[in-house]
Protein backbone atom coordinates (compact mmCIF):
# COMPACT_ATOMS: atom_id res chain seq x y z
CA MET A 1 91.63 5.53 -22.52
CA ARG A 2 89.74 5.77 -25.76
CA LYS A 3 90.89 8.16 -28.36
CA LYS A 4 88.48 10.99 -29.05
CA MET A 5 86.83 10.49 -32.44
CA GLU A 6 86.69 13.46 -34.73
CA LEU A 7 83.33 13.88 -36.55
CA PRO A 8 83.24 15.29 -40.02
CA GLU A 9 81.77 18.69 -40.55
CA VAL A 10 78.39 18.69 -42.32
CA GLU A 11 76.32 21.49 -43.70
CA PRO A 12 73.21 22.19 -41.51
CA VAL A 13 69.78 21.47 -43.00
CA ARG A 14 67.69 24.55 -43.43
CA LEU A 15 63.96 24.47 -44.36
CA SER A 16 63.05 26.80 -47.07
CA PRO A 17 60.49 29.53 -46.34
CA ILE A 18 57.05 29.01 -47.82
CA GLY A 19 55.57 32.06 -49.32
CA GLY A 20 58.08 34.03 -47.41
CA ILE A 21 56.96 32.58 -44.07
CA ARG A 22 59.27 30.47 -41.99
CA PRO A 23 58.19 26.81 -41.41
CA GLY A 24 58.22 27.27 -37.60
CA VAL A 25 55.41 29.77 -37.92
CA PHE A 26 53.39 27.22 -39.91
CA ILE A 27 53.96 24.59 -37.21
CA LEU A 28 52.95 27.00 -34.45
CA ALA A 29 49.86 28.04 -36.39
CA GLY A 30 48.90 24.40 -36.96
CA LEU A 31 49.27 23.54 -33.29
CA SER A 32 47.24 26.61 -32.33
CA ALA A 33 44.52 25.70 -34.81
CA ALA A 34 44.40 22.14 -33.45
CA ALA A 35 44.14 23.47 -29.91
CA LEU A 36 41.35 25.85 -30.91
CA LEU A 37 39.56 23.05 -32.73
CA LEU A 38 39.83 20.84 -29.65
CA ILE A 39 38.50 23.63 -27.43
CA PHE A 40 35.63 24.16 -29.85
CA ALA A 41 34.87 20.43 -30.00
CA LEU A 42 34.88 20.09 -26.22
CA CYS A 43 33.47 23.39 -25.05
CA PHE A 44 31.10 24.62 -27.75
CA LEU A 45 30.16 21.89 -30.24
CA PRO A 46 28.08 19.68 -27.81
CA GLY A 47 25.96 22.66 -26.84
CA LEU A 48 25.54 23.84 -30.44
CA VAL A 49 24.54 20.36 -31.62
CA SER A 50 22.15 19.58 -28.75
CA GLY A 51 20.22 22.83 -28.73
CA CYS A 52 19.22 22.00 -25.16
CA GLY A 53 19.23 23.47 -21.70
CA TRP A 54 18.90 22.11 -18.17
CA VAL A 55 16.14 22.78 -15.64
CA ARG A 56 15.41 21.86 -12.07
CA PHE A 57 12.26 22.44 -10.06
CA SER A 58 11.73 23.94 -6.65
CA THR A 59 8.37 23.03 -5.08
CA ASN A 60 6.95 23.23 -1.58
CA THR A 61 5.66 19.65 -1.73
CA VAL A 62 7.21 16.20 -2.15
CA ASN A 63 6.01 13.41 -4.43
CA THR A 64 5.39 16.09 -7.06
CA ALA A 65 5.35 14.88 -10.67
CA VAL A 66 6.29 17.30 -13.47
CA TYR A 67 4.97 17.30 -17.03
CA ALA A 68 6.45 19.43 -19.83
CA ASP A 69 3.86 20.24 -22.51
CA GLY A 70 1.84 17.23 -21.36
CA LYS A 71 4.75 14.77 -21.31
CA TYR A 72 5.94 13.33 -17.98
CA ILE A 73 9.59 14.16 -17.33
CA GLY A 74 10.08 13.16 -13.67
CA SER A 75 9.82 14.24 -10.08
CA SER A 76 10.54 17.69 -8.73
CA GLU A 77 12.85 16.39 -6.01
CA GLY A 78 16.56 16.94 -6.52
CA SER A 79 17.02 16.08 -10.19
CA SER A 80 17.92 18.21 -13.20
CA TYR A 81 16.34 17.56 -16.58
CA ARG A 82 17.72 18.17 -20.09
CA LEU A 83 15.17 19.67 -22.48
CA PRO A 84 15.33 21.27 -25.93
CA ALA A 85 15.53 25.03 -25.54
CA GLY A 86 12.26 26.88 -25.84
CA SER A 87 9.07 27.88 -24.05
CA TYR A 88 7.15 25.26 -22.07
CA GLY A 89 4.03 24.82 -20.03
CA PHE A 90 4.99 22.83 -16.92
CA ASP A 91 2.17 21.00 -15.10
CA PHE A 92 2.56 19.79 -11.50
CA TYR A 93 0.76 16.88 -9.82
CA VAL A 94 1.00 16.21 -6.08
CA ASP A 95 0.48 12.50 -5.36
CA GLY A 96 -1.36 12.26 -8.66
CA ALA A 97 -3.67 15.27 -8.14
CA TYR A 98 -3.33 18.29 -10.43
CA ALA A 99 -1.80 21.21 -8.52
CA GLY A 100 -1.25 23.86 -11.19
CA SER A 101 1.09 24.94 -13.99
CA VAL A 102 3.65 27.59 -14.92
CA GLU A 103 4.97 28.93 -18.21
CA ALA A 104 8.76 29.04 -18.35
CA GLU A 105 11.67 29.32 -20.78
CA VAL A 106 14.42 26.72 -21.08
CA HIS A 107 17.53 28.58 -22.23
CA TRP A 108 19.94 27.23 -24.81
CA ARG A 109 23.24 26.56 -23.06
CA ILE A 110 26.34 26.34 -25.28
CA PHE A 111 29.57 26.81 -23.32
CA LEU A 112 31.04 23.81 -21.46
CA THR A 113 27.80 21.83 -21.53
CA MET A 114 29.77 18.58 -21.59
CA PHE A 115 31.21 19.37 -18.16
CA ILE A 116 28.86 21.82 -16.48
CA HIS A 117 25.05 21.72 -16.36
CA ARG A 118 24.00 25.29 -15.81
CA THR A 119 20.36 24.98 -14.90
CA ASP A 120 17.32 27.19 -14.88
CA THR A 121 15.35 26.83 -11.64
CA ILE A 122 11.59 26.85 -12.01
CA GLU A 123 9.67 27.52 -8.82
CA PHE A 124 6.15 26.30 -8.08
CA THR A 125 4.07 26.55 -4.93
CA ALA A 126 1.13 24.17 -4.59
CA SER A 127 -1.96 25.27 -2.71
CA SER A 128 -4.28 22.93 -0.88
CA THR A 129 -7.46 21.83 -2.62
CA PRO A 130 -9.89 19.03 -1.64
CA GLU A 131 -8.55 16.94 -4.52
CA ILE A 132 -4.92 17.38 -3.48
CA GLU A 133 -5.67 16.72 0.19
CA GLU A 134 -7.56 13.57 -0.72
CA ALA A 135 -4.67 12.40 -2.92
CA VAL A 136 -2.05 13.03 -0.21
CA VAL A 137 -4.12 11.14 2.37
CA ARG A 138 -4.81 8.27 -0.04
CA THR A 139 -1.14 7.90 -0.98
CA PHE A 140 -0.13 7.75 2.67
CA THR A 141 -2.85 5.46 4.00
CA GLU A 142 -2.67 3.09 1.05
CA GLY A 143 1.12 3.10 1.35
CA VAL A 144 1.30 2.19 5.04
CA ALA A 145 -1.27 -0.58 4.56
CA LYS A 146 0.85 -2.03 1.76
CA TRP A 147 4.29 -1.63 3.31
CA SER A 148 3.27 -2.89 6.75
CA ARG A 149 3.12 -6.38 5.24
CA HIS A 150 6.93 -6.36 5.07
CA ILE A 151 8.57 -6.61 8.46
CA GLY A 152 12.21 -6.57 7.36
CA TYR A 153 14.28 -4.30 5.13
CA ASP A 154 17.91 -4.38 3.99
CA ASP A 155 20.35 -2.29 1.94
CA THR A 156 18.75 -3.33 -1.34
CA TYR A 157 15.09 -3.28 -0.24
CA HIS A 158 14.27 0.08 1.26
CA LEU A 159 11.16 1.38 2.96
CA PRO A 160 10.06 4.64 1.31
CA PRO A 161 9.68 7.63 3.69
CA LEU A 162 5.91 7.27 3.98
CA PHE A 163 5.42 9.12 7.26
CA SER A 164 8.01 11.82 6.48
CA ASP A 165 6.55 12.53 3.04
CA PHE A 166 3.04 12.75 4.45
CA ALA A 167 4.18 15.12 7.20
CA ALA A 168 6.06 17.31 4.71
CA ASN A 169 3.03 17.62 2.45
CA ALA A 170 0.61 18.14 5.33
CA ILE A 171 2.76 21.03 6.58
CA ALA A 172 3.33 22.53 3.11
CA LEU A 173 -0.35 22.40 2.21
CA GLY A 174 -1.53 23.69 5.58
CA PHE A 175 -3.54 20.71 6.81
CA GLU A 176 -5.46 21.61 9.93
CA ASP A 177 -5.80 18.10 11.35
CA ALA A 178 -3.88 14.95 10.40
CA SER A 179 -4.51 13.04 13.63
CA ALA A 180 -6.75 10.35 12.13
CA GLN A 181 -4.30 9.59 9.31
CA LEU A 182 -1.31 9.49 11.65
CA LEU A 183 -3.09 7.16 14.08
CA TYR A 184 -4.06 4.89 11.19
CA GLY A 185 -0.43 4.89 10.06
CA ALA A 186 0.87 4.20 13.57
CA MET A 187 -1.39 1.13 13.78
CA HIS A 188 0.55 -0.25 10.79
CA ILE A 189 4.08 0.08 12.20
CA THR A 190 5.47 -3.44 11.89
CA SER A 191 9.22 -2.75 11.69
CA LYS A 192 11.89 -0.56 13.21
CA ALA A 193 12.36 1.13 9.84
CA MET A 194 8.72 2.23 9.87
CA HIS A 195 9.02 3.37 13.48
CA ASP A 196 12.09 5.48 12.71
CA ASP A 197 10.24 7.12 9.82
CA PHE A 198 7.26 7.71 12.12
CA LEU A 199 9.47 9.44 14.70
CA ALA A 200 10.95 11.66 11.98
CA ALA A 201 7.44 12.68 10.96
CA ILE A 202 6.49 13.41 14.58
CA GLY A 203 9.53 15.70 14.83
CA MET A 204 8.41 17.61 11.74
CA LEU A 205 4.78 17.90 12.83
CA SER A 206 5.60 18.92 16.40
CA SER A 207 7.10 22.19 15.17
CA SER A 208 4.18 22.94 12.82
CA SER A 209 0.60 24.09 13.26
CA VAL A 210 -0.83 20.78 12.01
CA GLU A 211 -2.83 18.92 14.67
CA TYR A 212 -1.56 15.36 14.80
CA ARG A 213 -2.10 14.09 18.34
CA SER A 214 -5.01 12.03 19.63
CA PRO A 215 -5.61 10.15 22.91
CA GLU A 216 -5.19 6.84 21.06
CA LEU A 217 -1.87 7.91 19.54
CA ASP A 218 -0.58 9.21 22.89
CA GLU A 219 -1.36 5.80 24.38
CA LEU A 220 0.19 3.84 21.51
CA MET A 221 3.47 5.78 21.15
CA PRO A 222 5.19 4.56 24.37
CA LEU A 223 4.32 0.97 23.46
CA LEU A 224 5.81 1.43 19.99
CA SER A 225 8.99 2.87 21.46
CA ALA A 226 9.30 -0.06 23.86
CA LEU A 227 8.71 -2.60 21.09
CA TYR A 228 11.28 -1.12 18.72
CA GLU A 229 13.87 -0.48 21.38
CA GLY A 230 14.02 -4.23 21.89
CA GLU A 231 11.96 -4.63 25.06
CA ASP A 232 9.98 -7.85 25.58
CA VAL A 233 6.50 -6.37 25.87
CA ARG A 234 3.71 -8.75 26.85
CA THR A 235 -0.03 -8.26 26.55
CA SER A 236 -2.54 -8.62 29.37
CA GLY A 237 -6.26 -8.36 29.93
CA GLU A 238 -7.57 -11.76 28.90
CA GLY A 239 -11.01 -12.41 30.36
CA GLY A 240 -13.68 -15.07 30.26
CA ASN A 241 -16.99 -15.20 28.42
CA GLU A 242 -20.36 -16.57 29.26
CA VAL A 243 -21.40 -19.00 26.56
CA PRO A 244 -24.37 -17.37 24.80
CA ALA A 245 -27.56 -19.29 24.20
CA PRO A 246 -28.93 -18.29 20.76
CA THR A 247 -32.42 -18.82 19.49
CA TYR A 248 -33.04 -20.49 16.14
CA SER A 249 -35.49 -19.37 13.46
CA ASP A 250 -35.66 -19.83 9.70
CA GLY A 251 -32.05 -20.88 9.20
CA PHE A 252 -30.57 -18.18 11.46
CA PHE A 253 -29.37 -18.03 15.06
CA ALA A 254 -30.16 -14.86 16.99
CA TYR A 255 -27.79 -13.52 19.67
CA PRO A 256 -28.54 -10.76 22.19
CA ALA A 257 -26.36 -7.69 22.65
CA SER A 258 -23.29 -8.50 24.73
CA THR A 259 -19.63 -7.79 25.36
CA VAL A 260 -17.13 -10.44 24.26
CA SER A 261 -13.51 -10.88 25.31
CA MET A 262 -11.37 -12.19 22.48
CA GLY A 263 -7.69 -13.12 22.42
CA ARG A 264 -4.96 -14.52 24.59
CA ASN A 265 -1.91 -13.14 26.36
CA GLY A 266 1.45 -13.22 24.66
CA SER A 267 4.04 -11.05 22.95
CA ALA A 268 2.94 -7.58 21.85
CA SER A 269 5.20 -7.74 18.79
CA TYR A 270 3.76 -8.26 15.32
CA PRO A 271 2.31 -10.69 14.19
CA GLU A 272 1.71 -12.22 17.63
CA CYS A 273 -0.31 -9.15 18.63
CA LEU A 274 -3.03 -10.08 16.11
CA THR A 275 -4.49 -12.32 18.83
CA ALA A 276 -3.86 -9.97 21.77
CA PRO A 277 -6.75 -9.73 24.26
CA VAL A 278 -9.48 -7.22 23.44
CA GLU A 279 -13.05 -6.55 24.50
CA ALA A 280 -15.73 -5.66 21.95
CA ASP A 281 -19.34 -4.63 22.38
CA VAL A 282 -21.68 -6.54 20.09
CA ASP A 283 -25.20 -5.45 19.21
CA GLY A 284 -27.87 -8.08 18.78
CA PHE A 285 -27.50 -9.96 15.48
CA GLU A 286 -28.52 -13.07 13.56
CA ILE A 287 -26.05 -15.36 11.80
CA ALA A 288 -26.74 -18.09 9.25
CA GLN A 289 -26.71 -21.72 10.29
CA HIS A 290 -24.29 -22.66 7.52
CA PRO A 291 -21.96 -20.96 5.03
CA VAL A 292 -23.35 -19.80 1.68
CA THR A 293 -23.61 -22.79 -0.65
CA GLU A 294 -22.69 -23.31 -4.29
CA TYR A 295 -26.40 -23.39 -5.16
CA GLU A 296 -27.13 -20.11 -3.36
CA TYR A 297 -24.17 -18.45 -5.08
CA ALA A 298 -25.30 -19.85 -8.46
CA LEU A 299 -28.63 -18.03 -8.05
CA PHE A 300 -26.72 -14.83 -7.38
CA VAL A 301 -24.54 -15.22 -10.48
CA GLU A 302 -27.57 -16.08 -12.62
CA ALA A 303 -29.17 -12.81 -11.54
CA ASN A 304 -25.88 -10.88 -11.86
CA PRO A 305 -23.90 -12.09 -14.93
CA TYR A 306 -21.15 -9.58 -14.14
CA TRP A 307 -20.00 -12.03 -11.44
CA SER A 308 -19.87 -15.06 -13.73
CA ARG A 309 -16.62 -16.89 -14.40
CA SER A 310 -16.95 -15.98 -18.09
CA ASN A 311 -16.52 -12.29 -17.14
CA ILE A 312 -13.32 -12.88 -15.19
CA GLU A 313 -11.18 -10.56 -17.34
CA ASN A 314 -13.39 -7.59 -16.52
CA LEU A 315 -13.61 -8.61 -12.87
CA ILE A 316 -9.81 -8.72 -12.61
CA GLU A 317 -9.47 -5.39 -14.43
CA ASP A 318 -11.94 -3.84 -11.97
CA GLY A 319 -9.94 -5.19 -9.01
CA MET A 320 -12.81 -7.40 -7.83
CA VAL A 321 -11.15 -10.84 -7.97
CA ASP A 322 -7.91 -12.57 -8.93
CA GLU A 323 -7.28 -15.11 -11.69
CA HIS A 324 -8.48 -18.05 -9.54
CA TYR A 325 -12.05 -16.81 -9.16
CA LEU A 326 -14.50 -19.76 -9.15
CA GLU A 327 -11.68 -22.02 -10.28
CA GLY A 328 -12.83 -25.65 -10.17
CA ILE A 329 -16.41 -24.64 -9.22
CA ALA A 330 -19.26 -25.80 -11.48
CA LEU A 331 -22.13 -23.50 -10.56
CA SER A 332 -25.66 -24.68 -11.30
CA SER A 333 -29.00 -23.19 -10.33
CA SER A 334 -30.73 -26.46 -11.23
CA VAL A 335 -28.69 -28.65 -8.88
CA MET A 336 -29.02 -27.84 -5.19
CA SER A 337 -25.40 -28.33 -4.16
CA GLY A 338 -24.96 -27.94 -0.40
CA ARG A 339 -21.19 -27.66 -0.61
CA PRO A 340 -19.98 -24.26 0.61
CA ILE A 341 -19.00 -21.77 -2.06
CA ARG A 342 -15.28 -21.01 -2.21
CA SER A 343 -12.74 -19.44 -4.56
CA ILE A 344 -14.64 -16.19 -4.33
CA SER A 345 -13.35 -12.84 -3.03
CA TYR A 346 -14.41 -10.49 -0.26
CA ASN A 347 -15.66 -8.13 -2.96
CA ALA A 348 -17.80 -10.92 -4.39
CA ALA A 349 -19.16 -11.79 -0.93
CA GLN A 350 -20.12 -8.15 -0.40
CA ALA A 351 -21.90 -8.12 -3.76
CA TYR A 352 -23.76 -11.30 -2.77
CA CYS A 353 -24.97 -9.64 0.45
CA SER A 354 -26.21 -6.63 -1.51
CA TYR A 355 -28.04 -8.92 -3.94
CA LEU A 356 -29.67 -10.87 -1.11
CA SER A 357 -30.71 -7.67 0.67
CA GLU A 358 -32.33 -6.30 -2.46
CA ALA A 359 -34.04 -9.59 -3.29
CA THR A 360 -35.52 -10.11 0.20
CA GLY A 361 -35.99 -6.58 1.52
CA GLU A 362 -33.94 -7.46 4.62
CA GLU A 363 -30.40 -6.32 5.42
CA TYR A 364 -27.73 -8.97 4.92
CA ARG A 365 -24.01 -8.50 5.50
CA LEU A 366 -20.82 -10.28 6.54
CA PRO A 367 -20.34 -10.77 10.29
CA THR A 368 -17.78 -8.75 12.18
CA GLU A 369 -14.93 -10.60 13.87
CA ALA A 370 -16.61 -10.13 17.26
CA GLU A 371 -19.96 -11.43 15.98
CA TRP A 372 -18.33 -14.46 14.40
CA TYR A 373 -16.43 -15.08 17.64
CA GLU A 374 -19.56 -14.87 19.79
CA ALA A 375 -21.32 -17.35 17.52
CA SER A 376 -18.33 -19.68 17.71
CA LEU A 377 -18.52 -19.70 21.50
CA SER A 378 -21.98 -21.23 21.34
CA ALA A 379 -20.68 -23.94 18.98
CA GLN A 380 -17.62 -24.94 21.01
CA GLY A 381 -18.92 -28.44 21.60
CA LYS A 382 -19.14 -29.29 17.92
CA PRO A 383 -16.25 -31.15 16.24
CA TYR A 384 -13.78 -29.56 13.83
CA ALA A 385 -15.05 -30.13 10.26
CA SER A 386 -12.29 -31.83 8.25
CA THR A 387 -14.32 -32.15 5.05
CA LEU A 388 -16.32 -29.90 2.73
CA VAL A 389 -19.30 -32.24 2.90
CA GLY A 390 -21.01 -32.40 6.26
CA ILE A 391 -24.38 -32.80 7.92
CA ASP A 392 -25.30 -31.10 11.17
CA ASP A 393 -28.93 -31.27 12.28
CA ASP A 394 -28.17 -29.85 15.72
CA ARG A 395 -29.99 -26.52 15.87
CA SER A 396 -28.57 -25.40 19.17
CA SER A 397 -25.78 -23.44 17.44
CA PRO A 398 -24.39 -22.68 13.95
CA SER A 399 -22.80 -25.50 11.98
CA PHE A 400 -19.17 -25.79 10.86
CA MET A 401 -17.87 -22.71 12.66
CA MET A 402 -14.55 -24.52 13.07
CA GLY A 403 -13.06 -26.23 10.03
CA GLN A 404 -14.60 -26.80 6.60
CA LEU A 405 -13.56 -23.31 5.28
CA TRP A 406 -12.00 -20.16 6.66
CA GLU A 407 -14.86 -17.66 6.89
CA MET A 408 -14.66 -14.00 5.89
CA THR A 409 -15.55 -11.23 8.29
CA SER A 410 -16.12 -7.55 7.56
CA THR A 411 -13.38 -6.55 10.01
CA PRO A 412 -10.19 -5.16 8.44
CA ILE A 413 -6.91 -6.67 9.53
CA ILE A 414 -4.88 -3.75 10.87
CA PRO A 415 -1.59 -4.98 12.38
CA LEU A 416 -1.68 -3.22 15.77
CA MET A 417 -5.45 -2.80 16.09
CA ARG A 418 -5.55 -4.81 19.33
CA LEU A 419 -2.75 -2.79 20.93
CA SER A 420 -4.64 0.45 20.41
CA SER A 421 -8.36 1.19 20.23
CA TYR A 422 -9.96 -1.81 18.50
CA VAL A 423 -13.13 0.18 17.80
CA LYS A 424 -11.20 3.17 16.42
CA ALA A 425 -9.13 0.88 14.22
CA ILE A 426 -12.27 -0.59 12.63
CA GLU A 427 -13.63 2.94 12.13
CA LEU A 428 -10.42 4.04 10.40
CA GLY A 429 -10.39 0.86 8.33
CA GLY A 430 -13.78 1.91 6.99
CA LEU A 431 -12.43 5.33 6.03
CA TYR A 432 -9.29 3.93 4.42
CA PRO A 433 -10.22 0.56 2.84
CA TYR A 434 -6.72 -0.58 1.91
CA ASP A 435 -6.25 -3.43 4.37
CA GLY A 436 -7.13 -7.06 3.94
CA ILE A 437 -9.88 -8.65 6.01
CA ILE A 438 -9.88 -11.06 8.94
CA VAL A 439 -10.87 -14.67 8.27
CA LYS A 440 -11.72 -17.09 11.06
CA GLY A 441 -12.24 -20.75 11.86
CA GLY A 442 -9.64 -22.63 9.81
CA SER A 443 -10.29 -24.95 6.89
CA TYR A 444 -10.56 -28.68 6.27
CA ILE A 445 -6.86 -28.87 5.36
CA ASN A 446 -5.64 -27.28 8.62
CA ASP A 447 -4.56 -29.25 11.66
CA PRO A 448 -7.40 -29.02 14.22
CA GLU A 449 -4.78 -28.85 16.97
CA SER A 450 -3.36 -25.61 15.55
CA ILE A 451 -6.62 -23.71 15.00
CA THR A 452 -8.93 -22.26 17.64
CA ASN A 453 -11.63 -19.63 17.52
CA GLU A 454 -8.93 -17.14 18.65
CA THR A 455 -6.85 -17.77 15.52
CA VAL A 456 -6.73 -14.79 13.14
CA GLY A 457 -6.20 -15.32 9.43
CA ALA A 458 -6.00 -12.74 6.67
CA ALA A 459 -7.14 -12.37 3.06
CA GLU A 460 -6.85 -9.58 0.53
CA ARG A 461 -10.12 -8.07 -0.69
CA SER A 462 -9.69 -9.36 -4.23
CA GLU A 463 -8.08 -12.66 -3.19
CA THR A 464 -9.81 -15.96 -3.93
CA SER A 465 -8.94 -19.27 -2.33
CA PRO A 466 -10.36 -22.80 -2.39
CA PHE A 467 -10.10 -22.71 1.42
CA ILE A 468 -12.08 -19.51 2.11
CA GLY A 469 -15.87 -19.07 2.11
CA PHE A 470 -18.41 -16.98 4.01
CA ARG A 471 -21.70 -16.96 5.85
CA VAL A 472 -24.06 -14.03 6.25
CA CYS A 473 -25.60 -12.07 9.09
CA ARG A 474 -28.87 -10.21 9.04
CA LYS A 475 -30.46 -7.54 11.20
């Protein structure tokens, strides 16, 4: 066992008072000052330095943009915004249309601004005006036309709530009738994600005073449900056609009024449904023997310099063409080139028809899909044109309906137009011109075995392609 060690006695150390105040008091005061300084730095200083406050907005509409003193700050939905304290004029735009403004104060918040955002709530109620209603409808119809081109979505690529947002705004703004817009939207449902959004909108509208139903929508809805619940839905109704016998005069073939049956049976899912069977009434019409040639288009450009290749920057800026307009085409009004014009857009073809109508005093236009199809029936015996250069002196039917170039029609390509009312779809496509157009007949680079007169192709209205041309109809 160790022996206990005795420690020597020492005199305790004592700190001398400072100014008569014990050192412990100084230490306590220093710690307190540090704590107060920390509290000030964390709880007060950020607010004092920033001179800002926080605001959020409560509006009756969605897709509402907010501007503070003319500067865009964001959307009204859900977010809070940090602004320097002071008085502001807040302007509100619903889908891009001016809806009104309010004057409001943003208060200077000081305490705990680093941790807590105490916000001022600014309320705004938009009222319906023709401009706002037009903007809401345009945003929706243009949106469904655009997003219907995507048929699959994942966790990183989301479909925006197009139908739900439209329904919310239609209800908030007191729309009386949204049936045409909703039918147009339903004809663009190409994915389960879109269908789910559509059903959410139907649920909202069904408990409102907005009219949204139509006979066409009532007929289409069960089919949509079957398609997006995984059922194998098949189309039916294919019928035959009598081959029309046109009459020829002055470079045009005339066809009498008739009813044509287009399409073939198959799956009702998209995109197979683009060739689903459909009947269409066709008024009497005349269609050109051959597509518009390079020479004919050169005369148009000579009379309308706006459409020249040298003006392509302005044409692109105006949304008329893309960067490939007239690419590789040497137009000449002094050389009568019979090659079909190509690398031009639907917009350019429409401008050509207007020019020709004005120059001749007769009405020229692009054929509809049904008119083009009827003309192709009369030319079924002619071979598929696998070259741009061809000669056809047979005046029993139009030349080069199959092959040579895809040919533009005036019919919009609406995904489910053949599963609903084909005629109503074309009518709605005229009201909301955001879809591409149907092209028919195939081109010289396509396999003749894969293209028939039933085949449906698509082109955007400003798109140009070396494999797409057009021919004209006249009254």
